[in-house]
Amino acid sequence: MKIKHYLILILTLLSIAFLQPLILLLGGITLLGGVIAFIYADMPPESQRAWELRITGLFKQLQLALSRQPQPPNSTGDQRQPLETSGRRELMPRLEAEADDAGTATAGNDNARNRRTR
């Protein structure tokens, strides 16, 4: 066998190993689509029309939901900030103060340790 044949064999084995989930997903979606098409074709025309209207309504709702612009915050005079930012701003001074306290306590311990080793 030529090197080209070995490369083709290796690429085939790798594609089978790594693309199997994708192929399984696409095959499953195709099977579901076929079953749904078969069921839809066996329905009476009135039921088909009802399903068409239902699906069209769902697509319109989805389109409206995706096309909505974000609403600006209420201008009722409420000056409070959102919880995330106000909570962070309140915690920052406390965290800095605790870090300063911890720093002085550790600095004292380091000095005591250094005195013992001298």
Protein backbone atom coordinates (compact mmCIF):
# COMPACT_ATOMS: atom_id res chain seq x y z
CA MET A 1 0.00 0.00 0.00
CA LYS A 2 1.10 3.53 -0.67
CA ILE A 3 1.45 6.26 1.95
CA LYS A 4 -1.60 7.95 0.44
CA HIS A 5 -3.70 4.88 1.24
CA TYR A 6 -2.49 4.86 4.84
CA LEU A 7 -3.32 8.55 5.21
CA ILE A 8 -6.81 8.03 3.78
CA LEU A 9 -7.31 5.08 6.15
CA ILE A 10 -6.16 7.11 9.18
CA LEU A 11 -8.34 10.11 8.22
CA THR A 12 -11.33 7.82 7.74
CA LEU A 13 -10.87 6.24 11.17
CA LEU A 14 -10.43 9.65 12.80
CA SER A 15 -13.52 11.04 11.12
CA ILE A 16 -15.56 8.03 12.22
CA ALA A 17 -14.32 8.42 15.79
CA PHE A 18 -14.75 12.17 16.14
CA LEU A 19 -17.66 12.92 13.82
CA GLN A 20 -19.88 10.10 15.05
CA PRO A 21 -21.82 12.34 17.51
CA LEU A 22 -22.46 14.90 14.77
CA ILE A 23 -23.59 12.23 12.32
CA LEU A 24 -25.82 10.69 15.00
CA LEU A 25 -27.38 14.10 15.73
CA LEU A 26 -28.02 14.85 12.07
CA GLY A 27 -29.45 11.37 11.54
CA GLY A 28 -31.75 11.76 14.53
CA ILE A 29 -32.98 15.14 13.34
CA THR A 30 -33.58 13.72 9.86
CA LEU A 31 -35.52 10.78 11.30
CA LEU A 32 -37.67 13.07 13.45
CA GLY A 33 -38.33 15.33 10.46
CA GLY A 34 -39.38 12.37 8.36
CA VAL A 35 -41.74 11.04 11.02
CA ILE A 36 -43.28 14.47 11.55
CA ALA A 37 -43.73 14.90 7.77
CA PHE A 38 -45.37 11.46 7.55
CA ILE A 39 -47.78 12.24 10.42
CA TYR A 40 -48.54 15.69 8.95
CA ALA A 41 -49.31 14.17 5.53
CA ASP A 42 -51.80 11.72 7.10
CA MET A 43 -53.75 14.49 8.88
CA PRO A 44 -56.98 15.87 7.43
CA PRO A 45 -56.66 19.30 5.75
CA GLU A 46 -58.42 21.09 8.64
CA SER A 47 -55.91 19.76 11.14
CA GLN A 48 -53.02 20.62 8.83
CA ARG A 49 -54.30 24.20 8.60
CA ALA A 50 -54.68 24.38 12.40
CA TRP A 51 -51.07 23.21 12.89
CA GLU A 52 -49.85 25.67 10.25
CA LEU A 53 -51.56 28.53 12.08
CA ARG A 54 -50.18 27.38 15.44
CA ILE A 55 -46.61 27.12 14.13
CA THR A 56 -46.91 30.47 12.33
CA GLY A 57 -48.11 32.08 15.56
CA LEU A 58 -45.14 30.65 17.45
CA PHE A 59 -42.73 32.00 14.83
CA LYS A 60 -44.35 35.45 15.00
CA GLN A 61 -44.06 35.48 18.81
CA LEU A 62 -40.42 34.47 18.55
CA GLN A 63 -39.75 37.17 15.97
CA LEU A 64 -41.37 39.83 18.18
CA ALA A 65 -39.47 38.67 21.24
CA LEU A 66 -36.15 38.81 19.38
CA SER A 67 -36.83 42.20 17.77
CA ARG A 68 -37.77 44.03 21.01
CA GLN A 69 -35.37 46.74 22.09
CA PRO A 70 -34.26 46.81 25.73
CA GLN A 71 -36.46 49.05 27.85
CA PRO A 72 -34.78 52.06 29.50
CA PRO A 73 -34.99 52.12 33.31
CA ASN A 74 -38.01 53.75 34.93
CA SER A 75 -37.71 57.49 35.29
CA THR A 76 -39.87 57.60 38.41
CA GLY A 77 -37.17 59.36 40.38
CA ASP A 78 -35.84 56.15 41.90
CA GLN A 79 -32.12 56.85 42.17
CA ARG A 80 -31.12 53.46 43.57
CA GLN A 81 -28.56 51.55 41.58
CA PRO A 82 -28.98 47.92 40.62
CA LEU A 83 -28.24 45.45 43.38
CA GLU A 84 -25.00 44.14 41.87
CA THR A 85 -23.22 47.48 41.59
CA SER A 86 -24.53 48.98 44.82
CA GLY A 87 -23.55 45.83 46.71
CA ARG A 88 -20.04 45.89 45.32
CA ARG A 89 -19.55 49.54 46.14
CA GLU A 90 -20.72 49.02 49.71
CA LEU A 91 -18.47 46.00 50.22
CA MET A 92 -15.31 47.51 48.78
CA PRO A 93 -14.47 49.83 51.72
CA ARG A 94 -15.10 47.01 54.18
CA LEU A 95 -12.93 44.60 52.22
CA GLU A 96 -10.14 47.17 51.95
CA ALA A 97 -10.36 47.88 55.69
CA GLU A 98 -10.24 44.16 56.48
CA ALA A 99 -7.24 43.76 54.19
CA ASP A 100 -5.48 46.64 55.99
CA ASP A 101 -6.23 45.04 59.36
CA ALA A 102 -5.00 41.68 58.13
CA GLY A 103 -1.88 43.31 56.70
CA THR A 104 -0.95 44.94 60.00
CA ALA A 105 -1.61 41.73 61.88
CA THR A 106 0.59 39.75 59.50
CA ALA A 107 3.24 42.42 59.52
CA GLY A 108 3.35 42.16 63.33
CA ASN A 109 3.63 38.39 63.12
CA ASP A 110 6.41 38.67 60.55
CA ASN A 111 8.30 41.06 62.81
CA ALA A 112 7.91 38.69 65.75
CA ARG A 113 9.08 35.77 63.61
CA ASN A 114 12.07 37.77 62.39
CA ARG A 115 13.01 38.63 65.98
CA ARG A 116 13.00 34.96 66.95
CA THR A 117 15.26 33.94 64.06
CA ARG A 118 17.84 36.69 64.74
